[in-house]
Amino acid sequence: MTNTAVLPRSDVVARTLARNRLGVPAVVFFVLSAAAPLTVVAGVVTTGFSVTGVTGIPLAFLAVGAVLAVFSVGYVAMARHVANAGAFYAYVAHGLSRPLGVGAAWVALLAYNALQVGLYGAIGAAASPLLRQWFGLSVTWWVIALAAWLLVAVLGVLRVDINGTVLAVLLLAEIAVIVVFDAADLIHPAGGALSFATLAPGNLAKPGVGAILALALLGFVGFESAVVFSEESRDPRRTVR
């Protein structure tokens, strides 16, 4: 009988990743772009207010941010000891058990893919009327969604550092749009006066607060993704931390 050497699955995956490609700036751009700041400001915040009518959305973001800041202390501490691209699976498997790690991995896989599919649809729905208004082009939303999916697929097979550069440019453009929009609102506020009533603690005691907390949590999606790049970063224990 002959023995066939079988490499552990994690080793096989590690061999396919480009090591020592990402520095701190690249990882930062990956994480911030995953949070999609312009999508949050233009989509999540506005949708949350239009659906719930609750004005305490800024306070909800502060509350969720504080909770995630506490969570991130332990999360980043684990990153110094477990450098693995399968972050959710690796951490849950190490801390609890492998079956629970597999369950967490499936939940993350399904949730993030559902979000991604929804974002493709959102891109199509948002871009279709703009193309008609600006250029007179009548393009069905699903054609734009497929084009976005194809672009992401092409970028996905390129080198990870090239993707970091692309995301850096797009992220800086997003931030510029947000800064200009916010500056215009501050200079010319609605009603002619600035108000900080949205930060009143009582806003979190109103009906609909659960919905805005869920939307605020959605706005932070991707903040945990830094550890995913631990195997591709230079000195992962310092870069990811």
C-alpha atoms as a PDB file:
ATOM      1  CA  MET A   1       0.000   0.000   0.000  1.00  0.00           C
ATOM      2  CA  THR A   2       1.354   3.409  -0.890  1.00  0.00           C
ATOM      3  CA  ASN A   3       0.814   6.520   1.155  1.00  0.00           C
ATOM      4  CA  THR A   4      -0.193   9.679  -0.642  1.00  0.00           C
ATOM      5  CA  ALA A   5       0.926  12.880   1.009  1.00  0.00           C
ATOM      6  CA  VAL A   6      -1.950  15.279   1.410  1.00  0.00           C
ATOM      7  CA  LEU A   7      -1.229  18.910   2.220  1.00  0.00           C
ATOM      8  CA  PRO A   8      -3.548  20.630   4.691  1.00  0.00           C
ATOM      9  CA  ARG A   9      -6.111  22.765   2.912  1.00  0.00           C
ATOM     10  CA  SER A  10      -4.835  25.960   4.556  1.00  0.00           C
ATOM     11  CA  ASP A  11      -1.339  25.327   3.112  1.00  0.00           C
ATOM     12  CA  VAL A  12      -2.750  24.835  -0.384  1.00  0.00           C
ATOM     13  CA  VAL A  13      -4.693  28.080  -0.144  1.00  0.00           C
ATOM     14  CA  ALA A  14      -1.667  29.923   1.214  1.00  0.00           C
ATOM     15  CA  ARG A  15       0.404  28.891  -1.804  1.00  0.00           C
ATOM     16  CA  THR A  16      -2.042  30.670  -4.118  1.00  0.00           C
ATOM     17  CA  LEU A  17      -1.845  34.017  -2.295  1.00  0.00           C
ATOM     18  CA  ALA A  18       0.636  36.724  -3.226  1.00  0.00           C
ATOM     19  CA  ARG A  19       2.750  37.232  -0.142  1.00  0.00           C
ATOM     20  CA  ASN A  20       4.437  40.472   0.924  1.00  0.00           C
ATOM     21  CA  ARG A  21       2.492  42.530  -1.623  1.00  0.00           C
ATOM     22  CA  LEU A  22       0.497  44.854   0.642  1.00  0.00           C
ATOM     23  CA  GLY A  23       1.713  47.572   2.962  1.00  0.00           C
ATOM     24  CA  VAL A  24      -0.288  49.512   5.527  1.00  0.00           C
ATOM     25  CA  PRO A  25      -1.753  52.065   3.035  1.00  0.00           C
ATOM     26  CA  ALA A  26      -3.030  49.321   0.723  1.00  0.00           C
ATOM     27  CA  VAL A  27      -4.711  47.441   3.579  1.00  0.00           C
ATOM     28  CA  VAL A  28      -6.277  50.688   4.823  1.00  0.00           C
ATOM     29  CA  PHE A  29      -7.688  51.413   1.365  1.00  0.00           C
ATOM     30  CA  PHE A  30      -9.071  47.875   1.089  1.00  0.00           C
ATOM     31  CA  VAL A  31     -10.823  48.155   4.457  1.00  0.00           C
ATOM     32  CA  LEU A  32     -12.254  51.639   3.921  1.00  0.00           C
ATOM     33  CA  SER A  33     -13.427  50.840   0.405  1.00  0.00           C
ATOM     34  CA  ALA A  34     -15.186  47.726   1.717  1.00  0.00           C
ATOM     35  CA  ALA A  35     -17.198  50.026   3.991  1.00  0.00           C
ATOM     36  CA  ALA A  36     -18.244  52.004   0.859  1.00  0.00           C
ATOM     37  CA  PRO A  37     -18.550  55.460   2.488  1.00  0.00           C
ATOM     38  CA  LEU A  38     -20.401  57.087  -0.404  1.00  0.00           C
ATOM     39  CA  THR A  39     -22.915  54.236  -0.525  1.00  0.00           C
ATOM     40  CA  VAL A  40     -23.481  54.610   3.216  1.00  0.00           C
ATOM     41  CA  VAL A  41     -23.961  58.386   3.059  1.00  0.00           C
ATOM     42  CA  ALA A  42     -26.077  58.454  -0.099  1.00  0.00           C
ATOM     43  CA  GLY A  43     -27.928  55.169   0.379  1.00  0.00           C
ATOM     44  CA  VAL A  44     -27.964  53.777   3.909  1.00  0.00           C
ATOM     45  CA  VAL A  45     -28.455  57.046   5.813  1.00  0.00           C
ATOM     46  CA  THR A  46     -31.059  58.491   3.458  1.00  0.00           C
ATOM     47  CA  THR A  47     -32.962  55.211   3.198  1.00  0.00           C
ATOM     48  CA  GLY A  48     -32.950  54.812   6.962  1.00  0.00           C
ATOM     49  CA  PHE A  49     -34.446  58.248   7.513  1.00  0.00           C
ATOM     50  CA  SER A  50     -37.029  57.946   4.739  1.00  0.00           C
ATOM     51  CA  VAL A  51     -38.246  54.557   6.006  1.00  0.00           C
ATOM     52  CA  THR A  52     -38.187  55.142   9.780  1.00  0.00           C
ATOM     53  CA  GLY A  53     -38.461  58.920  10.121  1.00  0.00           C
ATOM     54  CA  VAL A  54     -36.086  58.684  13.096  1.00  0.00           C
ATOM     55  CA  THR A  55     -33.646  61.605  13.225  1.00  0.00           C
ATOM     56  CA  GLY A  56     -31.183  59.932  15.576  1.00  0.00           C
ATOM     57  CA  ILE A  57     -29.237  58.130  12.841  1.00  0.00           C
ATOM     58  CA  PRO A  58     -25.955  59.992  13.612  1.00  0.00           C
ATOM     59  CA  LEU A  59     -26.267  58.918  17.251  1.00  0.00           C
ATOM     60  CA  ALA A  60     -26.916  55.341  16.135  1.00  0.00           C
ATOM     61  CA  PHE A  61     -23.679  55.387  14.137  1.00  0.00           C
ATOM     62  CA  LEU A  62     -21.789  56.663  17.190  1.00  0.00           C
ATOM     63  CA  ALA A  63     -23.299  53.945  19.399  1.00  0.00           C
ATOM     64  CA  VAL A  64     -22.553  51.132  16.952  1.00  0.00           C
ATOM     65  CA  GLY A  65     -19.058  52.517  16.359  1.00  0.00           C
ATOM     66  CA  ALA A  66     -18.362  52.452  20.104  1.00  0.00           C
ATOM     67  CA  VAL A  67     -19.478  48.812  20.375  1.00  0.00           C
ATOM     68  CA  LEU A  68     -17.376  47.774  17.379  1.00  0.00           C
ATOM     69  CA  ALA A  69     -14.374  49.649  18.790  1.00  0.00           C
ATOM     70  CA  VAL A  70     -14.551  47.466  21.907  1.00  0.00           C
ATOM     71  CA  PHE A  71     -15.009  44.340  19.773  1.00  0.00           C
ATOM     72  CA  SER A  72     -12.048  45.243  17.566  1.00  0.00           C
ATOM     73  CA  VAL A  73      -9.640  45.158  20.523  1.00  0.00           C
ATOM     74  CA  GLY A  74      -9.974  41.400  20.881  1.00  0.00           C
ATOM     75  CA  TYR A  75     -10.378  40.898  17.142  1.00  0.00           C
ATOM     76  CA  VAL A  76      -7.092  42.603  16.331  1.00  0.00           C
ATOM     77  CA  ALA A  77      -5.382  40.854  19.245  1.00  0.00           C
ATOM     78  CA  MET A  78      -6.266  37.510  17.635  1.00  0.00           C
ATOM     79  CA  ALA A  79      -4.871  38.744  14.317  1.00  0.00           C
ATOM     80  CA  ARG A  80      -1.409  38.918  15.859  1.00  0.00           C
ATOM     81  CA  HIS A  81      -1.554  35.212  16.667  1.00  0.00           C
ATOM     82  CA  VAL A  82      -3.608  33.782  13.771  1.00  0.00           C
ATOM     83  CA  ALA A  83      -2.489  34.960  10.320  1.00  0.00           C
ATOM     84  CA  ASN A  84      -5.024  33.326   8.028  1.00  0.00           C
ATOM     85  CA  ALA A  85      -6.958  34.580   5.001  1.00  0.00           C
ATOM     86  CA  GLY A  86     -10.084  32.770   6.202  1.00  0.00           C
ATOM     87  CA  ALA A  87     -10.472  35.164   9.098  1.00  0.00           C
ATOM     88  CA  PHE A  88     -13.973  34.297  10.344  1.00  0.00           C
ATOM     89  CA  TYR A  89     -13.456  30.568   9.980  1.00  0.00           C
ATOM     90  CA  ALA A  90      -9.955  30.620  11.461  1.00  0.00           C
ATOM     91  CA  TYR A  91     -10.873  32.683  14.522  1.00  0.00           C
ATOM     92  CA  VAL A  92     -14.086  30.843  15.357  1.00  0.00           C
ATOM     93  CA  ALA A  93     -12.419  27.477  14.765  1.00  0.00           C
ATOM     94  CA  HIS A  94      -9.506  28.383  17.041  1.00  0.00           C
ATOM     95  CA  GLY A  95     -11.686  29.925  19.736  1.00  0.00           C
ATOM     96  CA  LEU A  96     -14.715  27.638  19.745  1.00  0.00           C
ATOM     97  CA  SER A  97     -14.534  24.628  17.438  1.00  0.00           C
ATOM     98  CA  ARG A  98     -14.094  23.681  13.802  1.00  0.00           C
ATOM     99  CA  PRO A  99     -17.810  22.890  13.208  1.00  0.00           C
ATOM    100  CA  LEU A 100     -18.774  26.328  14.506  1.00  0.00           C
ATOM    101  CA  GLY A 101     -16.021  27.813  12.357  1.00  0.00           C
ATOM    102  CA  VAL A 102     -17.492  26.160   9.267  1.00  0.00           C
ATOM    103  CA  GLY A 103     -20.929  27.483  10.213  1.00  0.00           C
ATOM    104  CA  ALA A 104     -19.583  31.018  10.642  1.00  0.00           C
ATOM    105  CA  ALA A 105     -17.821  30.759   7.289  1.00  0.00           C
ATOM    106  CA  TRP A 106     -21.030  29.741   5.513  1.00  0.00           C
ATOM    107  CA  VAL A 107     -22.996  32.556   7.157  1.00  0.00           C
ATOM    108  CA  ALA A 108     -20.352  35.085   6.100  1.00  0.00           C
ATOM    109  CA  LEU A 109     -20.173  33.655   2.573  1.00  0.00           C
ATOM    110  CA  LEU A 110     -23.932  33.754   2.028  1.00  0.00           C
ATOM    111  CA  ALA A 111     -24.397  37.163   3.663  1.00  0.00           C
ATOM    112  CA  TYR A 112     -21.613  38.913   1.776  1.00  0.00           C
ATOM    113  CA  ASN A 113     -22.597  37.370  -1.546  1.00  0.00           C
ATOM    114  CA  ALA A 114     -26.222  38.410  -1.020  1.00  0.00           C
ATOM    115  CA  LEU A 115     -25.023  41.939  -0.269  1.00  0.00           C
ATOM    116  CA  GLN A 116     -22.817  41.934  -3.356  1.00  0.00           C
ATOM    117  CA  VAL A 117     -25.654  40.788  -5.618  1.00  0.00           C
ATOM    118  CA  GLY A 118     -27.881  43.498  -4.178  1.00  0.00           C
ATOM    119  CA  LEU A 119     -25.207  46.130  -4.807  1.00  0.00           C
ATOM    120  CA  TYR A 120     -24.955  45.103  -8.458  1.00  0.00           C
ATOM    121  CA  GLY A 121     -28.691  45.688  -8.740  1.00  0.00           C
ATOM    122  CA  ALA A 122     -28.362  49.050  -6.981  1.00  0.00           C
ATOM    123  CA  ILE A 123     -25.643  50.117  -9.414  1.00  0.00           C
ATOM    124  CA  GLY A 124     -27.870  49.240 -12.353  1.00  0.00           C
ATOM    125  CA  ALA A 125     -30.908  51.011 -10.922  1.00  0.00           C
ATOM    126  CA  ALA A 126     -28.889  54.147 -10.121  1.00  0.00           C
ATOM    127  CA  ALA A 127     -26.847  54.320 -13.332  1.00  0.00           C
ATOM    128  CA  SER A 128     -29.610  53.588 -15.845  1.00  0.00           C
ATOM    129  CA  PRO A 129     -31.537  56.876 -15.400  1.00  0.00           C
ATOM    130  CA  LEU A 130     -28.278  58.848 -15.224  1.00  0.00           C
ATOM    131  CA  LEU A 131     -27.102  57.457 -18.562  1.00  0.00           C
ATOM    132  CA  ARG A 132     -30.463  58.385 -20.067  1.00  0.00           C
ATOM    133  CA  GLN A 133     -30.393  61.890 -18.575  1.00  0.00           C
ATOM    134  CA  TRP A 134     -26.749  62.755 -19.282  1.00  0.00           C
ATOM    135  CA  PHE A 135     -26.017  60.930 -22.540  1.00  0.00           C
ATOM    136  CA  GLY A 136     -29.419  59.988 -23.940  1.00  0.00           C
ATOM    137  CA  LEU A 137     -28.562  56.278 -23.683  1.00  0.00           C
ATOM    138  CA  SER A 138     -31.328  53.840 -22.831  1.00  0.00           C
ATOM    139  CA  VAL A 139     -29.624  50.929 -21.070  1.00  0.00           C
ATOM    140  CA  THR A 140     -31.565  48.370 -19.060  1.00  0.00           C
ATOM    141  CA  TRP A 141     -30.523  48.207 -15.424  1.00  0.00           C
ATOM    142  CA  TRP A 142     -29.560  44.533 -15.557  1.00  0.00           C
ATOM    143  CA  VAL A 143     -27.124  45.176 -18.423  1.00  0.00           C
ATOM    144  CA  ILE A 144     -25.317  47.708 -16.237  1.00  0.00           C
ATOM    145  CA  ALA A 145     -25.398  45.270 -13.318  1.00  0.00           C
ATOM    146  CA  LEU A 146     -23.802  42.549 -15.466  1.00  0.00           C
ATOM    147  CA  ALA A 147     -21.164  45.012 -16.688  1.00  0.00           C
ATOM    148  CA  ALA A 148     -20.330  45.874 -13.073  1.00  0.00           C
ATOM    149  CA  TRP A 149     -20.091  42.180 -12.215  1.00  0.00           C
ATOM    150  CA  LEU A 150     -17.762  41.600 -15.185  1.00  0.00           C
ATOM    151  CA  LEU A 151     -15.534  44.505 -14.156  1.00  0.00           C
ATOM    152  CA  VAL A 152     -15.270  43.162 -10.615  1.00  0.00           C
ATOM    153  CA  ALA A 153     -14.495  39.678 -11.968  1.00  0.00           C
ATOM    154  CA  VAL A 154     -11.661  41.032 -14.135  1.00  0.00           C
ATOM    155  CA  LEU A 155     -10.200  43.016 -11.248  1.00  0.00           C
ATOM    156  CA  GLY A 156     -10.480  39.932  -9.072  1.00  0.00           C
ATOM    157  CA  VAL A 157      -7.989  37.970 -11.174  1.00  0.00           C
ATOM    158  CA  LEU A 158      -5.424  40.785 -11.258  1.00  0.00           C
ATOM    159  CA  ARG A 159      -2.637  41.247  -8.745  1.00  0.00           C
ATOM    160  CA  VAL A 160      -3.854  42.303  -5.327  1.00  0.00           C
ATOM    161  CA  ASP A 161      -1.609  45.389  -5.274  1.00  0.00           C
ATOM    162  CA  ILE A 162      -3.158  46.588  -8.563  1.00  0.00           C
ATOM    163  CA  ASN A 163      -6.589  46.273  -6.976  1.00  0.00           C
ATOM    164  CA  GLY A 164      -5.311  48.291  -4.036  1.00  0.00           C
ATOM    165  CA  THR A 165      -4.339  51.134  -6.374  1.00  0.00           C
ATOM    166  CA  VAL A 166      -7.714  51.077  -8.136  1.00  0.00           C
ATOM    167  CA  LEU A 167      -9.563  51.116  -4.826  1.00  0.00           C
ATOM    168  CA  ALA A 168      -7.387  53.957  -3.542  1.00  0.00           C
ATOM    169  CA  VAL A 169      -8.340  56.166  -6.497  1.00  0.00           C
ATOM    170  CA  LEU A 170     -12.044  55.335  -6.205  1.00  0.00           C
ATOM    171  CA  LEU A 171     -12.053  55.770  -2.424  1.00  0.00           C
ATOM    172  CA  LEU A 172     -10.400  59.191  -2.622  1.00  0.00           C
ATOM    173  CA  ALA A 173     -13.007  60.209  -5.214  1.00  0.00           C
ATOM    174  CA  GLU A 174     -15.796  59.029  -2.889  1.00  0.00           C
ATOM    175  CA  ILE A 175     -14.373  60.972   0.040  1.00  0.00           C
ATOM    176  CA  ALA A 176     -14.014  64.097  -2.109  1.00  0.00           C
ATOM    177  CA  VAL A 177     -17.689  63.904  -3.119  1.00  0.00           C
ATOM    178  CA  ILE A 178     -18.762  63.452   0.514  1.00  0.00           C
ATOM    179  CA  VAL A 179     -16.610  66.371   1.715  1.00  0.00           C
ATOM    180  CA  VAL A 180     -17.967  68.706  -0.974  1.00  0.00           C
ATOM    181  CA  PHE A 181     -21.559  67.645  -0.267  1.00  0.00           C
ATOM    182  CA  ASP A 182     -21.170  68.048   3.517  1.00  0.00           C
ATOM    183  CA  ALA A 183     -19.429  71.403   3.150  1.00  0.00           C
ATOM    184  CA  ALA A 184     -22.284  72.670   0.987  1.00  0.00           C
ATOM    185  CA  ASP A 185     -24.828  71.509   3.570  1.00  0.00           C
ATOM    186  CA  LEU A 186     -22.925  73.179   6.416  1.00  0.00           C
ATOM    187  CA  ILE A 187     -22.604  76.456   4.533  1.00  0.00           C
ATOM    188  CA  HIS A 188     -26.250  76.410   3.455  1.00  0.00           C
ATOM    189  CA  PRO A 189     -28.095  74.312   6.079  1.00  0.00           C
ATOM    190  CA  ALA A 190     -31.756  73.425   5.735  1.00  0.00           C
ATOM    191  CA  GLY A 191     -33.865  76.081   7.404  1.00  0.00           C
ATOM    192  CA  GLY A 192     -30.899  78.432   7.537  1.00  0.00           C
ATOM    193  CA  ALA A 193     -29.589  77.203  10.914  1.00  0.00           C
ATOM    194  CA  LEU A 194     -27.484  74.310  12.189  1.00  0.00           C
ATOM    195  CA  SER A 195     -29.049  71.943  14.713  1.00  0.00           C
ATOM    196  CA  PHE A 196     -27.546  69.217  16.895  1.00  0.00           C
ATOM    197  CA  ALA A 197     -30.908  67.777  17.914  1.00  0.00           C
ATOM    198  CA  THR A 198     -30.096  64.512  16.136  1.00  0.00           C
ATOM    199  CA  LEU A 199     -27.457  63.802  18.802  1.00  0.00           C
ATOM    200  CA  ALA A 200     -29.935  63.981  21.690  1.00  0.00           C
ATOM    201  CA  PRO A 201     -29.853  60.672  23.640  1.00  0.00           C
ATOM    202  CA  GLY A 202     -33.649  60.560  23.638  1.00  0.00           C
ATOM    203  CA  ASN A 203     -33.585  59.761  19.932  1.00  0.00           C
ATOM    204  CA  LEU A 204     -32.527  56.205  20.775  1.00  0.00           C
ATOM    205  CA  ALA A 205     -35.703  55.688  22.806  1.00  0.00           C
ATOM    206  CA  LYS A 206     -38.092  56.319  19.919  1.00  0.00           C
ATOM    207  CA  PRO A 207     -39.923  53.671  17.856  1.00  0.00           C
ATOM    208  CA  GLY A 208     -37.820  52.456  14.958  1.00  0.00           C
ATOM    209  CA  VAL A 209     -34.524  52.645  16.816  1.00  0.00           C
ATOM    210  CA  GLY A 210     -33.876  48.962  16.114  1.00  0.00           C
ATOM    211  CA  ALA A 211     -34.048  49.611  12.392  1.00  0.00           C
ATOM    212  CA  ILE A 212     -31.611  52.523  12.485  1.00  0.00           C
ATOM    213  CA  LEU A 213     -29.186  50.554  14.665  1.00  0.00           C
ATOM    214  CA  ALA A 214     -29.298  47.728  12.111  1.00  0.00           C
ATOM    215  CA  LEU A 215     -28.686  50.215   9.296  1.00  0.00           C
ATOM    216  CA  ALA A 216     -25.831  51.790  11.250  1.00  0.00           C
ATOM    217  CA  LEU A 217     -24.284  48.348  11.682  1.00  0.00           C
ATOM    218  CA  LEU A 218     -24.668  47.798   7.939  1.00  0.00           C
ATOM    219  CA  GLY A 219     -22.735  51.028   7.418  1.00  0.00           C
ATOM    220  CA  PHE A 220     -19.721  49.459   9.126  1.00  0.00           C
ATOM    221  CA  VAL A 221     -19.710  46.318   6.984  1.00  0.00           C
ATOM    222  CA  GLY A 222     -16.162  45.578   5.905  1.00  0.00           C
ATOM    223  CA  PHE A 223     -14.380  47.081   8.901  1.00  0.00           C
ATOM    224  CA  GLU A 224     -13.302  43.582   9.914  1.00  0.00           C
ATOM    225  CA  SER A 225     -11.746  42.779   6.537  1.00  0.00           C
ATOM    226  CA  ALA A 226      -8.202  43.878   7.399  1.00  0.00           C
ATOM    227  CA  VAL A 227      -7.337  40.457   8.786  1.00  0.00           C
ATOM    228  CA  VAL A 228      -8.349  38.813   5.497  1.00  0.00           C
ATOM    229  CA  PHE A 229      -5.204  40.315   3.958  1.00  0.00           C
ATOM    230  CA  SER A 230      -2.869  39.104   6.703  1.00  0.00           C
ATOM    231  CA  GLU A 231      -1.239  36.480   4.457  1.00  0.00           C
ATOM    232  CA  GLU A 232      -0.694  38.981   1.633  1.00  0.00           C
ATOM    233  CA  SER A 233       0.633  41.862   3.718  1.00  0.00           C
ATOM    234  CA  ARG A 234       4.165  42.651   4.728  1.00  0.00           C
ATOM    235  CA  ASP A 235       4.760  41.770   8.378  1.00  0.00           C
ATOM    236  CA  PRO A 236       1.082  40.897   8.976  1.00  0.00           C
ATOM    237  CA  ARG A 237       1.267  41.086  12.761  1.00  0.00           C
ATOM    238  CA  ARG A 238       2.201  44.764  12.537  1.00  0.00           C
ATOM    239  CA  THR A 239       0.427  45.730   9.312  1.00  0.00           C
ATOM    240  CA  VAL A 240      -2.979  44.326  10.274  1.00  0.00           C
ATOM    241  CA  ARG A 241      -2.705  45.543  13.850  1.00  0.00           C
END
